[in-house]
Amino acid sequence: MLEKNSYQKFLIEAKKGGDAIITKTAMGTGIMYGFFFCLYAYSFYFGGLLVWQKVERLPGEVYTGGIIIAVIFSVIFGTTTLAGATPHIAAFSEGKVAGKLAFEVIDHVPTINVNEPGSKDFDVK
């Protein structure tokens, strides 16, 4: 009976810790999506304002709803793609460091010159 009570006590503590992590994750996700939706709302508002005031994007061409939607989706997909590219950018920087180390080894001038007169020949036969 003693082990059961001890085990139950640890289960309750683990559940409280898990609930705290879930709450923090949910709050972070909610804030992120809230920010995205506010950004979308502002984009649609500003795009609507451009269409309503008939602002010219090029001489003689005004903004239309289709252009505004295309720009919004382009920004959304572009930022999503850039966010997915961050691990690859880190791999490029790691490759740069590895390349620098490799070239240091290749360009290294040894302190012992085996071609000097009087140096012993270390041919392995």
C-alpha atoms as a PDB file:
ATOM      1  CA  MET A   1       0.000   0.000   0.000  1.00  0.00           C
ATOM      2  CA  LEU A   2       2.878   2.339   0.755  1.00  0.00           C
ATOM      3  CA  GLU A   3       4.336   2.005  -2.757  1.00  0.00           C
ATOM      4  CA  LYS A   4       0.951   2.698  -4.323  1.00  0.00           C
ATOM      5  CA  ASN A   5       0.568   5.978  -2.407  1.00  0.00           C
ATOM      6  CA  SER A   6       4.115   7.039  -3.265  1.00  0.00           C
ATOM      7  CA  TYR A   7       3.560   6.213  -6.946  1.00  0.00           C
ATOM      8  CA  GLN A   8       0.263   8.105  -6.979  1.00  0.00           C
ATOM      9  CA  LYS A   9       1.956  11.160  -5.434  1.00  0.00           C
ATOM     10  CA  PHE A  10       4.567  11.217  -8.215  1.00  0.00           C
ATOM     11  CA  LEU A  11       1.877  10.746 -10.864  1.00  0.00           C
ATOM     12  CA  ILE A  12       0.038  13.817  -9.580  1.00  0.00           C
ATOM     13  CA  GLU A  13       3.252  15.881  -9.651  1.00  0.00           C
ATOM     14  CA  ALA A  14       4.028  14.718 -13.210  1.00  0.00           C
ATOM     15  CA  LYS A  15       0.489  15.607 -14.308  1.00  0.00           C
ATOM     16  CA  LYS A  16       0.837  19.115 -12.859  1.00  0.00           C
ATOM     17  CA  GLY A  17       4.145  19.590 -14.706  1.00  0.00           C
ATOM     18  CA  GLY A  18       2.634  18.302 -17.949  1.00  0.00           C
ATOM     19  CA  ASP A  19      -0.372  20.600 -17.555  1.00  0.00           C
ATOM     20  CA  ALA A  20       1.953  23.588 -17.098  1.00  0.00           C
ATOM     21  CA  ILE A  21       3.883  22.736 -20.275  1.00  0.00           C
ATOM     22  CA  ILE A  22       0.653  22.253 -22.244  1.00  0.00           C
ATOM     23  CA  THR A  23      -0.684  25.585 -20.986  1.00  0.00           C
ATOM     24  CA  LYS A  24       2.487  27.447 -21.990  1.00  0.00           C
ATOM     25  CA  THR A  25       2.514  25.809 -25.426  1.00  0.00           C
ATOM     26  CA  ALA A  26      -1.143  26.617 -25.967  1.00  0.00           C
ATOM     27  CA  MET A  27      -0.650  30.245 -24.926  1.00  0.00           C
ATOM     28  CA  GLY A  28       2.327  30.637 -27.269  1.00  0.00           C
ATOM     29  CA  THR A  29       0.437  29.089 -30.169  1.00  0.00           C
ATOM     30  CA  GLY A  30      -2.609  31.249 -29.445  1.00  0.00           C
ATOM     31  CA  ILE A  31      -0.531  34.425 -29.376  1.00  0.00           C
ATOM     32  CA  MET A  32       1.205  33.472 -32.619  1.00  0.00           C
ATOM     33  CA  TYR A  33      -2.067  32.756 -34.434  1.00  0.00           C
ATOM     34  CA  GLY A  34      -3.619  35.903 -32.973  1.00  0.00           C
ATOM     35  CA  PHE A  35      -0.727  37.902 -34.396  1.00  0.00           C
ATOM     36  CA  PHE A  36      -1.151  36.222 -37.801  1.00  0.00           C
ATOM     37  CA  PHE A  37      -4.888  36.913 -37.890  1.00  0.00           C
ATOM     38  CA  CYS A  38      -4.370  40.554 -36.893  1.00  0.00           C
ATOM     39  CA  LEU A  39      -1.778  40.849 -39.646  1.00  0.00           C
ATOM     40  CA  TYR A  40      -4.181  39.320 -42.175  1.00  0.00           C
ATOM     41  CA  ALA A  41      -6.957  41.675 -41.059  1.00  0.00           C
ATOM     42  CA  TYR A  42      -4.675  44.688 -41.424  1.00  0.00           C
ATOM     43  CA  SER A  43      -3.526  43.473 -44.839  1.00  0.00           C
ATOM     44  CA  PHE A  44      -7.111  43.129 -46.054  1.00  0.00           C
ATOM     45  CA  TYR A  45      -7.991  46.527 -44.570  1.00  0.00           C
ATOM     46  CA  PHE A  46      -5.038  48.266 -46.214  1.00  0.00           C
ATOM     47  CA  GLY A  47      -5.628  46.451 -49.513  1.00  0.00           C
ATOM     48  CA  GLY A  48      -9.293  47.447 -49.411  1.00  0.00           C
ATOM     49  CA  LEU A  49      -8.259  51.015 -48.766  1.00  0.00           C
ATOM     50  CA  LEU A  50      -5.979  50.945 -51.827  1.00  0.00           C
ATOM     51  CA  VAL A  51      -8.810  49.562 -53.978  1.00  0.00           C
ATOM     52  CA  TRP A  52     -11.398  52.005 -52.588  1.00  0.00           C
ATOM     53  CA  GLN A  53      -9.189  55.069 -53.139  1.00  0.00           C
ATOM     54  CA  LYS A  54      -8.183  53.770 -56.589  1.00  0.00           C
ATOM     55  CA  VAL A  55      -4.474  54.122 -55.918  1.00  0.00           C
ATOM     56  CA  GLU A  56      -2.373  53.564 -59.032  1.00  0.00           C
ATOM     57  CA  ARG A  57       0.318  50.891 -58.795  1.00  0.00           C
ATOM     58  CA  LEU A  58       1.648  51.723 -62.261  1.00  0.00           C
ATOM     59  CA  PRO A  59       0.639  54.693 -64.405  1.00  0.00           C
ATOM     60  CA  GLY A  60      -2.905  53.962 -65.539  1.00  0.00           C
ATOM     61  CA  GLU A  61      -3.298  50.701 -63.511  1.00  0.00           C
ATOM     62  CA  VAL A  62      -5.179  50.673 -60.210  1.00  0.00           C
ATOM     63  CA  TYR A  63      -5.114  48.032 -57.508  1.00  0.00           C
ATOM     64  CA  THR A  64      -7.823  45.377 -57.714  1.00  0.00           C
ATOM     65  CA  GLY A  65      -9.024  42.778 -55.220  1.00  0.00           C
ATOM     66  CA  GLY A  66      -7.238  40.008 -57.113  1.00  0.00           C
ATOM     67  CA  ILE A  67      -3.914  41.821 -56.931  1.00  0.00           C
ATOM     68  CA  ILE A  68      -4.331  42.412 -53.187  1.00  0.00           C
ATOM     69  CA  ILE A  69      -5.153  38.723 -52.551  1.00  0.00           C
ATOM     70  CA  ALA A  70      -2.195  37.639 -54.718  1.00  0.00           C
ATOM     71  CA  VAL A  71       0.173  39.894 -52.758  1.00  0.00           C
ATOM     72  CA  ILE A  72      -1.118  38.658 -49.394  1.00  0.00           C
ATOM     73  CA  PHE A  73      -0.773  34.993 -50.382  1.00  0.00           C
ATOM     74  CA  SER A  74       2.667  35.638 -51.853  1.00  0.00           C
ATOM     75  CA  VAL A  75       3.844  37.142 -48.580  1.00  0.00           C
ATOM     76  CA  ILE A  76       2.339  34.265 -46.581  1.00  0.00           C
ATOM     77  CA  PHE A  77       3.906  31.537 -48.738  1.00  0.00           C
ATOM     78  CA  GLY A  78       7.216  33.403 -48.959  1.00  0.00           C
ATOM     79  CA  THR A  79       7.571  33.742 -45.200  1.00  0.00           C
ATOM     80  CA  THR A  80       6.582  30.091 -44.728  1.00  0.00           C
ATOM     81  CA  THR A  81       9.269  29.048 -47.205  1.00  0.00           C
ATOM     82  CA  LEU A  82      11.888  31.234 -45.527  1.00  0.00           C
ATOM     83  CA  ALA A  83      10.992  29.768 -42.149  1.00  0.00           C
ATOM     84  CA  GLY A  84      11.516  26.283 -43.585  1.00  0.00           C
ATOM     85  CA  ALA A  85      14.883  27.264 -45.014  1.00  0.00           C
ATOM     86  CA  THR A  86      16.519  28.182 -41.704  1.00  0.00           C
ATOM     87  CA  PRO A  87      17.978  24.698 -40.993  1.00  0.00           C
ATOM     88  CA  HIS A  88      19.582  24.701 -44.434  1.00  0.00           C
ATOM     89  CA  ILE A  89      21.099  28.141 -43.836  1.00  0.00           C
ATOM     90  CA  ALA A  90      22.676  26.756 -40.649  1.00  0.00           C
ATOM     91  CA  ALA A  91      24.108  23.862 -42.680  1.00  0.00           C
ATOM     92  CA  PHE A  92      25.714  26.368 -45.079  1.00  0.00           C
ATOM     93  CA  SER A  93      27.464  28.144 -42.199  1.00  0.00           C
ATOM     94  CA  GLU A  94      28.691  24.821 -40.793  1.00  0.00           C
ATOM     95  CA  GLY A  95      30.008  23.917 -44.254  1.00  0.00           C
ATOM     96  CA  LYS A  96      31.880  27.215 -44.418  1.00  0.00           C
ATOM     97  CA  VAL A  97      33.619  26.467 -41.131  1.00  0.00           C
ATOM     98  CA  ALA A  98      34.475  22.919 -42.231  1.00  0.00           C
ATOM     99  CA  GLY A  99      35.812  24.203 -45.566  1.00  0.00           C
ATOM    100  CA  LYS A 100      38.010  26.750 -43.790  1.00  0.00           C
ATOM    101  CA  LEU A 101      39.465  24.021 -41.585  1.00  0.00           C
ATOM    102  CA  ALA A 102      40.060  21.759 -44.591  1.00  0.00           C
ATOM    103  CA  PHE A 103      41.872  24.507 -46.500  1.00  0.00           C
ATOM    104  CA  GLU A 104      44.008  25.258 -43.432  1.00  0.00           C
ATOM    105  CA  VAL A 105      45.124  21.610 -43.421  1.00  0.00           C
ATOM    106  CA  ILE A 106      45.782  21.643 -47.176  1.00  0.00           C
ATOM    107  CA  ASP A 107      47.737  24.912 -47.108  1.00  0.00           C
ATOM    108  CA  HIS A 108      49.750  23.987 -43.998  1.00  0.00           C
ATOM    109  CA  VAL A 109      53.509  24.192 -44.530  1.00  0.00           C
ATOM    110  CA  PRO A 110      55.251  21.500 -42.456  1.00  0.00           C
ATOM    111  CA  THR A 111      58.148  22.535 -40.242  1.00  0.00           C
ATOM    112  CA  ILE A 112      60.200  19.486 -41.308  1.00  0.00           C
ATOM    113  CA  ASN A 113      61.175  19.488 -44.961  1.00  0.00           C
ATOM    114  CA  VAL A 114      61.834  15.946 -46.188  1.00  0.00           C
ATOM    115  CA  ASN A 115      63.461  17.219 -49.390  1.00  0.00           C
ATOM    116  CA  GLU A 116      66.305  18.959 -47.547  1.00  0.00           C
ATOM    117  CA  PRO A 117      69.792  17.585 -48.093  1.00  0.00           C
ATOM    118  CA  GLY A 118      70.848  15.463 -45.147  1.00  0.00           C
ATOM    119  CA  SER A 119      67.335  14.419 -44.152  1.00  0.00           C
ATOM    120  CA  LYS A 120      66.804  10.731 -43.615  1.00  0.00           C
ATOM    121  CA  ASP A 121      64.758   8.809 -46.148  1.00  0.00           C
ATOM    122  CA  PHE A 122      61.727   7.180 -44.562  1.00  0.00           C
ATOM    123  CA  ASP A 123      60.668   4.987 -47.453  1.00  0.00           C
ATOM    124  CA  VAL A 124      58.514   2.124 -46.319  1.00  0.00           C
ATOM    125  CA  LYS A 125      59.310  -1.069 -48.223  1.00  0.00           C
END
